[in-house]
Amino acid sequence: MNQPWRITNFERVLPIDPDHVWAVFDIEFNGGDVAGHVQLRQVGQRFELLGVEMAPDTREAVISAALEEVRRRPA
C-alpha cells in the first residue's frame, strides 16, 4: 500500500538508556512538506515520535515503518 509519505535520511542511533532514541529521520509528504529530524524514541514498552505532530493512524504507520527500517540495519 502506498503511503502519502516516505521516510528519508534515516540514521540509526545506538541506544544508551531505557528511554532512548532509536533513529532520526525525515518524513517527506506527497504535498511537498518535510518534517525534518524526527526521532523514534522508546519509552518503556511503547514508541513515540518526537519532532512531528500527525494523526494517530499516520503516526502508528510511521512508527511501524521506522521500526522495520531499524530491523533492516545492523547496529
C-alpha atoms as a PDB file:
ATOM      1  CA  MET A   1       0.000   0.000   0.000  1.00  0.00           C
ATOM      2  CA  ASN A   2       1.405   3.383  -0.984  1.00  0.00           C
ATOM      3  CA  GLN A   3       1.551   5.876   1.856  1.00  0.00           C
ATOM      4  CA  PRO A   4       1.169   9.654   1.407  1.00  0.00           C
ATOM      5  CA  TRP A   5       4.628   9.991   2.993  1.00  0.00           C
ATOM      6  CA  ARG A   6       8.056   8.364   2.926  1.00  0.00           C
ATOM      7  CA  ILE A   7      10.963   8.117   5.333  1.00  0.00           C
ATOM      8  CA  THR A   8      14.247   9.628   4.113  1.00  0.00           C
ATOM      9  CA  ASN A   9      17.685  10.395   5.578  1.00  0.00           C
ATOM     10  CA  PHE A  10      17.319   7.528   8.054  1.00  0.00           C
ATOM     11  CA  GLU A  11      20.061   7.230  10.670  1.00  0.00           C
ATOM     12  CA  ARG A  12      20.052   4.551  13.324  1.00  0.00           C
ATOM     13  CA  VAL A  13      21.142   5.625  16.803  1.00  0.00           C
ATOM     14  CA  LEU A  14      22.672   3.175  19.252  1.00  0.00           C
ATOM     15  CA  PRO A  15      20.609   3.017  22.461  1.00  0.00           C
ATOM     16  CA  ILE A  16      22.323   4.005  25.693  1.00  0.00           C
ATOM     17  CA  ASP A  17      19.472   4.043  28.245  1.00  0.00           C
ATOM     18  CA  PRO A  18      15.947   2.586  28.703  1.00  0.00           C
ATOM     19  CA  ASP A  19      14.184   5.701  27.382  1.00  0.00           C
ATOM     20  CA  HIS A  20      16.225   6.243  24.278  1.00  0.00           C
ATOM     21  CA  VAL A  21      16.156   7.381  20.703  1.00  0.00           C
ATOM     22  CA  TRP A  22      16.432   4.523  18.181  1.00  0.00           C
ATOM     23  CA  ALA A  23      16.589   6.553  14.976  1.00  0.00           C
ATOM     24  CA  VAL A  24      16.498  10.029  13.455  1.00  0.00           C
ATOM     25  CA  PHE A  25      14.945  10.607  10.037  1.00  0.00           C
ATOM     26  CA  ASP A  26      12.939  12.951   7.839  1.00  0.00           C
ATOM     27  CA  ILE A  27       9.380  12.382   6.664  1.00  0.00           C
ATOM     28  CA  GLU A  28       8.552  13.683   3.195  1.00  0.00           C
ATOM     29  CA  PHE A  29       4.841  14.097   2.498  1.00  0.00           C
ATOM     30  CA  ASN A  30       3.353  13.867  -1.010  1.00  0.00           C
ATOM     31  CA  GLY A  31       2.240  17.511  -0.829  1.00  0.00           C
ATOM     32  CA  GLY A  32       5.873  18.605  -0.560  1.00  0.00           C
ATOM     33  CA  ASP A  33       6.063  19.246   3.185  1.00  0.00           C
ATOM     34  CA  VAL A  34       9.008  17.754   5.082  1.00  0.00           C
ATOM     35  CA  ALA A  35       9.255  17.008   8.798  1.00  0.00           C
ATOM     36  CA  GLY A  36      12.980  17.045   9.490  1.00  0.00           C
ATOM     37  CA  HIS A  37      14.972  15.336  12.225  1.00  0.00           C
ATOM     38  CA  VAL A  38      12.067  13.277  13.549  1.00  0.00           C
ATOM     39  CA  GLN A  39      13.154  10.990  16.382  1.00  0.00           C
ATOM     40  CA  LEU A  40      11.845   7.484  17.050  1.00  0.00           C
ATOM     41  CA  ARG A  41      12.019   7.091  20.814  1.00  0.00           C
ATOM     42  CA  GLN A  42      11.220   4.151  23.059  1.00  0.00           C
ATOM     43  CA  VAL A  43       9.581   4.896  26.396  1.00  0.00           C
ATOM     44  CA  GLY A  44       9.086   1.710  28.376  1.00  0.00           C
ATOM     45  CA  GLN A  45       7.288  -0.731  26.069  1.00  0.00           C
ATOM     46  CA  ARG A  46       5.922   1.868  23.636  1.00  0.00           C
ATOM     47  CA  PHE A  47       7.405   4.015  20.887  1.00  0.00           C
ATOM     48  CA  GLU A  48       6.747   7.664  20.127  1.00  0.00           C
ATOM     49  CA  LEU A  49       7.781  10.189  17.509  1.00  0.00           C
ATOM     50  CA  LEU A  50       9.407  13.436  18.588  1.00  0.00           C
ATOM     51  CA  GLY A  51       9.501  16.474  16.331  1.00  0.00           C
ATOM     52  CA  VAL A  52       6.269  15.961  14.404  1.00  0.00           C
ATOM     53  CA  GLU A  53       2.521  16.077  15.041  1.00  0.00           C
ATOM     54  CA  MET A  54       0.259  13.826  12.990  1.00  0.00           C
ATOM     55  CA  ALA A  55      -2.959  11.840  13.136  1.00  0.00           C
ATOM     56  CA  PRO A  56      -2.787   8.712  15.323  1.00  0.00           C
ATOM     57  CA  ASP A  57      -3.208   6.299  12.370  1.00  0.00           C
ATOM     58  CA  THR A  58      -0.445   8.011  10.409  1.00  0.00           C
ATOM     59  CA  ARG A  59       1.800   8.144  13.472  1.00  0.00           C
ATOM     60  CA  GLU A  60       1.411   4.387  14.049  1.00  0.00           C
ATOM     61  CA  ALA A  61       2.153   3.660  10.372  1.00  0.00           C
ATOM     62  CA  VAL A  62       5.306   5.812  10.503  1.00  0.00           C
ATOM     63  CA  ILE A  63       6.435   4.114  13.726  1.00  0.00           C
ATOM     64  CA  SER A  64       5.922   0.692  12.118  1.00  0.00           C
ATOM     65  CA  ALA A  65       7.859   1.715   9.005  1.00  0.00           C
ATOM     66  CA  ALA A  66      10.687   3.180  11.097  1.00  0.00           C
ATOM     67  CA  LEU A  67      10.921   0.031  13.237  1.00  0.00           C
ATOM     68  CA  GLU A  68      11.101  -2.073  10.071  1.00  0.00           C
ATOM     69  CA  GLU A  69      13.954   0.140   8.866  1.00  0.00           C
ATOM     70  CA  VAL A  70      15.733  -0.343  12.226  1.00  0.00           C
ATOM     71  CA  ARG A  71      15.441  -4.122  11.810  1.00  0.00           C
ATOM     72  CA  ARG A  72      16.977  -3.938   8.330  1.00  0.00           C
ATOM     73  CA  ARG A  73      20.029  -2.027   9.521  1.00  0.00           C
ATOM     74  CA  PRO A  74      22.606  -3.697  11.739  1.00  0.00           C
ATOM     75  CA  ALA A  75      23.533  -1.955  14.978  1.00  0.00           C
END
